[in-house]
Amino acid sequence: MVSIEELHQENHKLTELANVLLYLFRDRAMCDTETGCELFYTYLDKVHAHLSKVDHLYGALLRAKDEHASETARNFMSGEQEIKRIISTYTRKWCDRKHRGLRIANHEAFLRDTEELFGTILRRIQAETEKLYPLIRRLDQAA
C-alpha cells in the first residue's frame, strides 16, 4: 500500500507542475513548444497515476465501521469520476494525444479552460490533504 507521505509528495509535485505550466502557457509561444507539451502530458500522466493510487485507499474506508469514513470515501470516489470527466472533455478539446501536442485556436479560451482544469485538480489535492489523509491516519491509529 502507498504511504500517505508518498501521496503528499505527489500532491506537491502536481501543484508545482501546474504552477509552472500556468506560467508557461500564459505566453502563447510556449504552448507550441515540445518541452511545454511534454511537461503538460507528464502532468496529465501524473494526475492519472495519483488518482489510481488514491483509489486503493477507498476499500479500507468503505469497510470501516465508521459512517463518516464510508461517506468520505464515496464523496472522493464521486469527485474522482468528475475529475476524470473534466480531463476527458478538456483533452478532447485541446489535445492531440497521438502527437502529444496541443491544438489551440483561441489562446484566451485555452488558458481559461487550463486554469479551470488545474484549479479543479488543486482543490482535489487540498481536499485530500485536509480531509482524506487525516481520516486514514486516524483509522490506522485506531486499528
C-alpha atoms as a PDB file:
ATOM      1  CA  MET A   1       0.000   0.000   0.000  1.00  0.00           C
ATOM      2  CA  VAL A   2       1.188   3.504  -0.799  1.00  0.00           C
ATOM      3  CA  SER A   3       2.147   5.701   2.128  1.00  0.00           C
ATOM      4  CA  ILE A   4       0.446   8.969   2.972  1.00  0.00           C
ATOM      5  CA  GLU A   5       3.853  10.647   2.797  1.00  0.00           C
ATOM      6  CA  GLU A   6       4.299   9.444  -0.787  1.00  0.00           C
ATOM      7  CA  LEU A   7       0.856  10.811  -1.681  1.00  0.00           C
ATOM      8  CA  HIS A   8       1.772  14.154  -0.090  1.00  0.00           C
ATOM      9  CA  GLN A   9       4.938  14.247  -2.204  1.00  0.00           C
ATOM     10  CA  GLU A  10       2.915  13.523  -5.337  1.00  0.00           C
ATOM     11  CA  ASN A  11       0.478  16.297  -4.418  1.00  0.00           C
ATOM     12  CA  HIS A  12       3.386  18.689  -4.037  1.00  0.00           C
ATOM     13  CA  LYS A  13       4.799  17.684  -7.423  1.00  0.00           C
ATOM     14  CA  LEU A  14       1.397  18.058  -9.119  1.00  0.00           C
ATOM     15  CA  THR A  15       0.966  21.512  -7.603  1.00  0.00           C
ATOM     16  CA  GLU A  16       4.438  22.530  -8.723  1.00  0.00           C
ATOM     17  CA  LEU A  17       3.860  21.260 -12.271  1.00  0.00           C
ATOM     18  CA  ALA A  18       0.510  23.055 -12.516  1.00  0.00           C
ATOM     19  CA  ASN A  19       2.082  26.321 -11.383  1.00  0.00           C
ATOM     20  CA  VAL A  20       4.947  26.026 -13.881  1.00  0.00           C
ATOM     21  CA  LEU A  21       2.594  25.121 -16.725  1.00  0.00           C
ATOM     22  CA  LEU A  22       0.256  28.016 -15.990  1.00  0.00           C
ATOM     23  CA  TYR A  23       3.219  30.362 -16.004  1.00  0.00           C
ATOM     24  CA  LEU A  24       4.480  28.981 -19.323  1.00  0.00           C
ATOM     25  CA  PHE A  25       1.107  28.793 -21.026  1.00  0.00           C
ATOM     26  CA  ARG A  26       0.352  32.466 -20.396  1.00  0.00           C
ATOM     27  CA  ASP A  27       2.846  33.044 -23.227  1.00  0.00           C
ATOM     28  CA  ARG A  28       1.157  31.770 -26.398  1.00  0.00           C
ATOM     29  CA  ALA A  29       4.501  30.797 -27.962  1.00  0.00           C
ATOM     30  CA  MET A  30       5.238  28.396 -25.089  1.00  0.00           C
ATOM     31  CA  CYS A  31       2.086  26.385 -25.817  1.00  0.00           C
ATOM     32  CA  ASP A  32       3.584  25.091 -29.054  1.00  0.00           C
ATOM     33  CA  THR A  33       6.969  24.059 -27.708  1.00  0.00           C
ATOM     34  CA  GLU A  34       7.874  20.400 -27.455  1.00  0.00           C
ATOM     35  CA  THR A  35       9.095  20.977 -23.899  1.00  0.00           C
ATOM     36  CA  GLY A  36       5.860  22.647 -22.830  1.00  0.00           C
ATOM     37  CA  CYS A  37       3.760  19.879 -24.352  1.00  0.00           C
ATOM     38  CA  GLU A  38       5.877  17.109 -22.814  1.00  0.00           C
ATOM     39  CA  LEU A  39       5.622  18.778 -19.423  1.00  0.00           C
ATOM     40  CA  PHE A  40       1.864  19.071 -19.858  1.00  0.00           C
ATOM     41  CA  TYR A  41       1.452  15.393 -20.781  1.00  0.00           C
ATOM     42  CA  THR A  42       3.720  14.422 -17.883  1.00  0.00           C
ATOM     43  CA  TYR A  43       1.354  16.365 -15.641  1.00  0.00           C
ATOM     44  CA  LEU A  44      -1.704  14.533 -17.015  1.00  0.00           C
ATOM     45  CA  ASP A  45       0.054  11.174 -16.626  1.00  0.00           C
ATOM     46  CA  LYS A  46       0.971  12.004 -13.028  1.00  0.00           C
ATOM     47  CA  VAL A  47      -2.615  13.067 -12.241  1.00  0.00           C
ATOM     48  CA  HIS A  48      -3.965   9.763 -13.563  1.00  0.00           C
ATOM     49  CA  ALA A  49      -1.321   7.759 -11.685  1.00  0.00           C
ATOM     50  CA  HIS A  50      -2.051   9.657  -8.476  1.00  0.00           C
ATOM     51  CA  LEU A  51      -5.803   9.095  -8.751  1.00  0.00           C
ATOM     52  CA  SER A  52      -5.144   5.405  -9.301  1.00  0.00           C
ATOM     53  CA  LYS A  53      -3.047   5.217  -6.130  1.00  0.00           C
ATOM     54  CA  VAL A  54      -5.639   7.070  -4.080  1.00  0.00           C
ATOM     55  CA  ASP A  55      -8.260   4.698  -5.491  1.00  0.00           C
ATOM     56  CA  HIS A  56      -6.724   1.879  -3.444  1.00  0.00           C
ATOM     57  CA  LEU A  57      -7.431   3.728  -0.198  1.00  0.00           C
ATOM     58  CA  TYR A  58     -11.193   3.690  -0.586  1.00  0.00           C
ATOM     59  CA  GLY A  59     -11.714  -0.006   0.148  1.00  0.00           C
ATOM     60  CA  ALA A  60     -10.490   0.289   3.725  1.00  0.00           C
ATOM     61  CA  LEU A  61     -12.622   3.386   4.277  1.00  0.00           C
ATOM     62  CA  LEU A  62     -15.725   1.703   2.863  1.00  0.00           C
ATOM     63  CA  ARG A  63     -15.172  -1.357   5.089  1.00  0.00           C
ATOM     64  CA  ALA A  64     -14.666   0.752   8.205  1.00  0.00           C
ATOM     65  CA  LYS A  65     -17.453   0.706  10.754  1.00  0.00           C
ATOM     66  CA  ASP A  66     -17.248   4.486  10.716  1.00  0.00           C
ATOM     67  CA  GLU A  67     -20.080   6.035   8.656  1.00  0.00           C
ATOM     68  CA  HIS A  68     -18.079   9.246   8.221  1.00  0.00           C
ATOM     69  CA  ALA A  69     -15.234   7.226   6.665  1.00  0.00           C
ATOM     70  CA  SER A  70     -17.602   5.469   4.268  1.00  0.00           C
ATOM     71  CA  GLU A  71     -19.261   8.717   3.258  1.00  0.00           C
ATOM     72  CA  THR A  72     -15.887  10.390   2.738  1.00  0.00           C
ATOM     73  CA  ALA A  73     -14.759   7.512   0.503  1.00  0.00           C
ATOM     74  CA  ARG A  74     -17.955   7.743  -1.558  1.00  0.00           C
ATOM     75  CA  ASN A  75     -17.526  11.514  -1.934  1.00  0.00           C
ATOM     76  CA  PHE A  76     -13.925  11.168  -3.065  1.00  0.00           C
ATOM     77  CA  MET A  77     -14.820   8.393  -5.496  1.00  0.00           C
ATOM     78  CA  SER A  78     -17.547  10.575  -6.968  1.00  0.00           C
ATOM     79  CA  GLY A  79     -15.158  13.509  -7.183  1.00  0.00           C
ATOM     80  CA  GLU A  80     -12.591  11.331  -8.912  1.00  0.00           C
ATOM     81  CA  GLN A  81     -15.105  10.383 -11.590  1.00  0.00           C
ATOM     82  CA  GLU A  82     -15.917  14.069 -12.109  1.00  0.00           C
ATOM     83  CA  ILE A  83     -12.219  14.959 -12.450  1.00  0.00           C
ATOM     84  CA  LYS A  84     -11.743  12.185 -15.000  1.00  0.00           C
ATOM     85  CA  ARG A  85     -14.744  13.502 -16.942  1.00  0.00           C
ATOM     86  CA  ILE A  86     -13.364  17.051 -16.875  1.00  0.00           C
ATOM     87  CA  ILE A  87      -9.932  15.870 -18.026  1.00  0.00           C
ATOM     88  CA  SER A  88     -11.518  13.841 -20.823  1.00  0.00           C
ATOM     89  CA  THR A  89     -13.566  16.822 -22.023  1.00  0.00           C
ATOM     90  CA  TYR A  90     -10.519  19.081 -21.826  1.00  0.00           C
ATOM     91  CA  THR A  91      -8.229  16.709 -23.723  1.00  0.00           C
ATOM     92  CA  ARG A  92     -10.796  16.113 -26.467  1.00  0.00           C
ATOM     93  CA  LYS A  93     -10.999  19.865 -26.980  1.00  0.00           C
ATOM     94  CA  TRP A  94      -7.368  20.941 -26.644  1.00  0.00           C
ATOM     95  CA  CYS A  95      -5.059  17.935 -27.033  1.00  0.00           C
ATOM     96  CA  ASP A  96      -3.618  15.981 -29.913  1.00  0.00           C
ATOM     97  CA  ARG A  97      -2.840  12.838 -27.936  1.00  0.00           C
ATOM     98  CA  LYS A  98      -1.430  10.989 -30.930  1.00  0.00           C
ATOM     99  CA  HIS A  99       1.342  13.549 -31.329  1.00  0.00           C
ATOM    100  CA  ARG A 100       1.380  14.618 -27.662  1.00  0.00           C
ATOM    101  CA  GLY A 101       0.699  18.178 -28.687  1.00  0.00           C
ATOM    102  CA  LEU A 102      -1.885  20.886 -28.163  1.00  0.00           C
ATOM    103  CA  ARG A 103      -4.443  22.279 -30.610  1.00  0.00           C
ATOM    104  CA  ILE A 104      -5.009  25.901 -29.700  1.00  0.00           C
ATOM    105  CA  ALA A 105      -7.149  28.057 -31.966  1.00  0.00           C
ATOM    106  CA  ASN A 106      -8.115  30.506 -29.212  1.00  0.00           C
ATOM    107  CA  HIS A 107      -5.383  31.124 -26.649  1.00  0.00           C
ATOM    108  CA  GLU A 108      -7.643  33.010 -24.223  1.00  0.00           C
ATOM    109  CA  ALA A 109     -10.182  30.167 -24.148  1.00  0.00           C
ATOM    110  CA  PHE A 110      -7.390  27.601 -23.815  1.00  0.00           C
ATOM    111  CA  LEU A 111      -5.857  29.488 -20.907  1.00  0.00           C
ATOM    112  CA  ARG A 112      -9.238  29.882 -19.189  1.00  0.00           C
ATOM    113  CA  ASP A 113     -10.005  26.152 -19.562  1.00  0.00           C
ATOM    114  CA  THR A 114      -6.496  25.220 -18.407  1.00  0.00           C
ATOM    115  CA  GLU A 115      -6.784  27.419 -15.310  1.00  0.00           C
ATOM    116  CA  GLU A 116     -10.158  25.817 -14.564  1.00  0.00           C
ATOM    117  CA  LEU A 117      -8.770  22.290 -15.004  1.00  0.00           C
ATOM    118  CA  PHE A 118      -5.746  22.950 -12.810  1.00  0.00           C
ATOM    119  CA  GLY A 119      -7.930  24.687 -10.224  1.00  0.00           C
ATOM    120  CA  THR A 120     -10.206  21.651 -10.019  1.00  0.00           C
ATOM    121  CA  ILE A 121      -7.225  19.348  -9.526  1.00  0.00           C
ATOM    122  CA  LEU A 122      -5.656  21.682  -6.968  1.00  0.00           C
ATOM    123  CA  ARG A 123      -8.907  21.775  -4.972  1.00  0.00           C
ATOM    124  CA  ARG A 124      -8.916  17.972  -5.024  1.00  0.00           C
ATOM    125  CA  ILE A 125      -5.330  17.911  -3.749  1.00  0.00           C
ATOM    126  CA  GLN A 126      -6.273  20.288  -0.947  1.00  0.00           C
ATOM    127  CA  ALA A 127      -9.267  18.119  -0.009  1.00  0.00           C
ATOM    128  CA  GLU A 128      -7.071  15.020   0.086  1.00  0.00           C
ATOM    129  CA  THR A 129      -4.588  16.794   2.335  1.00  0.00           C
ATOM    130  CA  GLU A 130      -7.168  18.276   4.683  1.00  0.00           C
ATOM    131  CA  LYS A 131      -9.792  15.502   4.810  1.00  0.00           C
ATOM    132  CA  LEU A 132      -8.789  12.171   3.298  1.00  0.00           C
ATOM    133  CA  TYR A 133      -5.276  11.681   4.636  1.00  0.00           C
ATOM    134  CA  PRO A 134      -6.077  12.728   8.222  1.00  0.00           C
ATOM    135  CA  LEU A 135      -9.057  10.344   8.208  1.00  0.00           C
ATOM    136  CA  ILE A 136      -6.885   7.456   7.004  1.00  0.00           C
ATOM    137  CA  ARG A 137      -4.289   8.221   9.693  1.00  0.00           C
ATOM    138  CA  ARG A 138      -6.997   8.315  12.366  1.00  0.00           C
ATOM    139  CA  LEU A 139      -8.424   4.961  11.271  1.00  0.00           C
ATOM    140  CA  ASP A 140      -4.934   3.414  11.101  1.00  0.00           C
ATOM    141  CA  GLN A 141      -4.187   4.587  14.629  1.00  0.00           C
ATOM    142  CA  ALA A 142      -7.483   3.190  15.901  1.00  0.00           C
ATOM    143  CA  ALA A 143      -6.828  -0.230  14.326  1.00  0.00           C
END
